[in-house]
Amino acid sequence: MYFAFDNASLDQQAREKLRAQAKWLMENPGPTVIIEGHTDNRGTDEYNLALGSRRAESVKNFLTNIGVPASRLITISYGEEQPAVRGNNEDAWTKNRRVAFRIR
């Protein structure tokens, strides 16, 4: 799930994907999900960690509001430290402004 520059808001496409993921989570009550917030490499380390955290929390809040127990969701921010794509151009930045999920 991707985000606009300097933004943690969920667009319609993200909300639709999250509804599908919430359905799976409610049908499979065992796993815990780690929600990882990521940013592109613009901005300070501190700012990017905070932005990654806001993105992860935005996803967690959406999922809990539609019925996924908060106890099954863990958020973490990596800021710019784990880019999906290396580069200093709009294509790379767009792919790095994201939230990723890990099942635990």
C-alpha atoms as a PDB file:
ATOM      1  CA  MET A   1       0.000   0.000   0.000  1.00  0.00           C
ATOM      2  CA  TYR A   2       1.454   3.304  -1.104  1.00  0.00           C
ATOM      3  CA  PHE A   3       1.135   6.888   0.109  1.00  0.00           C
ATOM      4  CA  ALA A   4       1.397  10.344  -1.377  1.00  0.00           C
ATOM      5  CA  PHE A   5       4.415  12.496  -0.527  1.00  0.00           C
ATOM      6  CA  ASP A   6       4.457  13.614   3.128  1.00  0.00           C
ATOM      7  CA  ASN A   7       1.110  11.929   3.749  1.00  0.00           C
ATOM      8  CA  ALA A   8      -0.309   9.156   5.918  1.00  0.00           C
ATOM      9  CA  SER A   9      -3.880   9.235   4.587  1.00  0.00           C
ATOM     10  CA  LEU A  10      -5.449   6.136   3.083  1.00  0.00           C
ATOM     11  CA  ASP A  11      -6.920   6.570  -0.379  1.00  0.00           C
ATOM     12  CA  GLN A  12      -9.908   4.600  -1.672  1.00  0.00           C
ATOM     13  CA  GLN A  13      -7.735   1.896  -3.239  1.00  0.00           C
ATOM     14  CA  ALA A  14      -5.856   1.379   0.036  1.00  0.00           C
ATOM     15  CA  ARG A  15      -9.107   1.128   2.002  1.00  0.00           C
ATOM     16  CA  GLU A  16     -10.406  -1.520  -0.411  1.00  0.00           C
ATOM     17  CA  LYS A  17      -7.227  -3.581  -0.029  1.00  0.00           C
ATOM     18  CA  LEU A  18      -7.396  -3.242   3.734  1.00  0.00           C
ATOM     19  CA  ARG A  19     -11.005  -4.443   3.799  1.00  0.00           C
ATOM     20  CA  ALA A  20      -9.894  -7.614   1.998  1.00  0.00           C
ATOM     21  CA  GLN A  21      -7.011  -8.078   4.420  1.00  0.00           C
ATOM     22  CA  ALA A  22      -9.322  -7.505   7.380  1.00  0.00           C
ATOM     23  CA  LYS A  23     -11.677 -10.177   6.067  1.00  0.00           C
ATOM     24  CA  TRP A  24      -8.782 -12.647   5.875  1.00  0.00           C
ATOM     25  CA  LEU A  25      -7.616 -11.710   9.377  1.00  0.00           C
ATOM     26  CA  MET A  26     -11.069 -12.207  10.848  1.00  0.00           C
ATOM     27  CA  GLU A  27     -11.389 -15.585   9.115  1.00  0.00           C
ATOM     28  CA  ASN A  28      -7.924 -16.584  10.398  1.00  0.00           C
ATOM     29  CA  PRO A  29      -7.762 -15.537  14.050  1.00  0.00           C
ATOM     30  CA  GLY A  30      -4.321 -16.974  14.845  1.00  0.00           C
ATOM     31  CA  PRO A  31      -1.721 -14.756  13.172  1.00  0.00           C
ATOM     32  CA  THR A  32      -0.433 -11.456  14.439  1.00  0.00           C
ATOM     33  CA  VAL A  33       0.422  -8.864  11.797  1.00  0.00           C
ATOM     34  CA  ILE A  34       3.346  -6.481  11.943  1.00  0.00           C
ATOM     35  CA  ILE A  35       2.503  -3.285  10.072  1.00  0.00           C
ATOM     36  CA  GLU A  36       5.725  -1.671   8.836  1.00  0.00           C
ATOM     37  CA  GLY A  37       5.748   2.023   7.937  1.00  0.00           C
ATOM     38  CA  HIS A  38       8.270   3.189   5.330  1.00  0.00           C
ATOM     39  CA  THR A  39       9.192   6.491   3.687  1.00  0.00           C
ATOM     40  CA  ASP A  40      11.312   7.736   0.851  1.00  0.00           C
ATOM     41  CA  ASN A  41      14.752   9.157   1.616  1.00  0.00           C
ATOM     42  CA  ARG A  42      13.786  12.826   1.661  1.00  0.00           C
ATOM     43  CA  GLY A  43      13.590  14.488   5.062  1.00  0.00           C
ATOM     44  CA  THR A  44      15.501  13.938   8.275  1.00  0.00           C
ATOM     45  CA  ASP A  45      15.807  10.541   9.917  1.00  0.00           C
ATOM     46  CA  GLU A  46      13.626  11.709  12.800  1.00  0.00           C
ATOM     47  CA  TYR A  47      10.933  13.089  10.516  1.00  0.00           C
ATOM     48  CA  ASN A  48      10.869   9.947   8.379  1.00  0.00           C
ATOM     49  CA  LEU A  49      10.601   7.678  11.411  1.00  0.00           C
ATOM     50  CA  ALA A  50       7.640   9.742  12.642  1.00  0.00           C
ATOM     51  CA  LEU A  51       6.000   9.702   9.192  1.00  0.00           C
ATOM     52  CA  GLY A  52       6.487   5.942   8.875  1.00  0.00           C
ATOM     53  CA  SER A  53       4.882   5.557  12.285  1.00  0.00           C
ATOM     54  CA  ARG A  54       1.892   7.715  11.262  1.00  0.00           C
ATOM     55  CA  ARG A  55       1.431   5.564   8.150  1.00  0.00           C
ATOM     56  CA  ALA A  56       1.526   2.319  10.115  1.00  0.00           C
ATOM     57  CA  GLU A  57      -0.858   3.709  12.748  1.00  0.00           C
ATOM     58  CA  SER A  58      -3.233   4.927  10.030  1.00  0.00           C
ATOM     59  CA  VAL A  59      -3.473   1.380   8.691  1.00  0.00           C
ATOM     60  CA  LYS A  60      -3.844  -0.100  12.171  1.00  0.00           C
ATOM     61  CA  ASN A  61      -6.616   2.364  13.048  1.00  0.00           C
ATOM     62  CA  PHE A  62      -8.506   1.537   9.868  1.00  0.00           C
ATOM     63  CA  LEU A  63      -8.259  -2.201  10.514  1.00  0.00           C
ATOM     64  CA  THR A  64      -9.362  -1.906  14.140  1.00  0.00           C
ATOM     65  CA  ASN A  65     -12.269   0.345  13.168  1.00  0.00           C
ATOM     66  CA  ILE A  66     -13.632  -2.407  10.921  1.00  0.00           C
ATOM     67  CA  GLY A  67     -13.267  -5.142  13.504  1.00  0.00           C
ATOM     68  CA  VAL A  68      -9.716  -6.513  13.611  1.00  0.00           C
ATOM     69  CA  PRO A  69      -8.606  -6.765  17.250  1.00  0.00           C
ATOM     70  CA  ALA A  70      -5.841  -4.273  18.028  1.00  0.00           C
ATOM     71  CA  SER A  71      -4.070  -6.999  20.013  1.00  0.00           C
ATOM     72  CA  ARG A  72      -3.267  -8.746  16.709  1.00  0.00           C
ATOM     73  CA  LEU A  73      -1.648  -5.679  15.122  1.00  0.00           C
ATOM     74  CA  ILE A  74       1.838  -4.386  15.881  1.00  0.00           C
ATOM     75  CA  THR A  75       3.204  -1.227  14.265  1.00  0.00           C
ATOM     76  CA  ILE A  76       6.803  -0.328  13.578  1.00  0.00           C
ATOM     77  CA  SER A  77       8.435   2.419  11.564  1.00  0.00           C
ATOM     78  CA  TYR A  78      11.562   1.918   9.526  1.00  0.00           C
ATOM     79  CA  GLY A  79      11.461   5.394   8.016  1.00  0.00           C
ATOM     80  CA  GLU A  80      13.815   5.422   5.059  1.00  0.00           C
ATOM     81  CA  GLU A  81      16.043   2.592   6.330  1.00  0.00           C
ATOM     82  CA  GLN A  82      14.599  -0.282   4.257  1.00  0.00           C
ATOM     83  CA  PRO A  83      13.845   1.038   0.773  1.00  0.00           C
ATOM     84  CA  ALA A  84      11.962  -1.212  -1.631  1.00  0.00           C
ATOM     85  CA  VAL A  85      13.797   0.508  -4.488  1.00  0.00           C
ATOM     86  CA  ARG A  86      17.101   2.354  -4.430  1.00  0.00           C
ATOM     87  CA  GLY A  87      17.276   5.677  -6.206  1.00  0.00           C
ATOM     88  CA  ASN A  88      16.735   9.394  -5.974  1.00  0.00           C
ATOM     89  CA  ASN A  89      13.928   9.903  -8.441  1.00  0.00           C
ATOM     90  CA  GLU A  90      10.146  10.009  -8.363  1.00  0.00           C
ATOM     91  CA  ASP A  91       9.758   6.369  -9.394  1.00  0.00           C
ATOM     92  CA  ALA A  92      11.892   5.148  -6.477  1.00  0.00           C
ATOM     93  CA  TRP A  93      10.361   7.600  -4.002  1.00  0.00           C
ATOM     94  CA  THR A  94       6.826   6.532  -4.965  1.00  0.00           C
ATOM     95  CA  LYS A  95       7.609   2.857  -4.328  1.00  0.00           C
ATOM     96  CA  ASN A  96       9.277   3.577  -0.992  1.00  0.00           C
ATOM     97  CA  ARG A  97       6.359   5.533   0.501  1.00  0.00           C
ATOM     98  CA  ARG A  98       4.535   2.455   1.724  1.00  0.00           C
ATOM     99  CA  VAL A  99       3.247   0.191   4.437  1.00  0.00           C
ATOM    100  CA  ALA A 100       4.199  -3.488   4.321  1.00  0.00           C
ATOM    101  CA  PHE A 101       2.787  -6.404   6.302  1.00  0.00           C
ATOM    102  CA  ARG A 102       4.570  -9.302   7.944  1.00  0.00           C
ATOM    103  CA  ILE A 103       2.658 -12.221   9.414  1.00  0.00           C
ATOM    104  CA  ARG A 104       3.945 -13.485  12.725  1.00  0.00           C
END
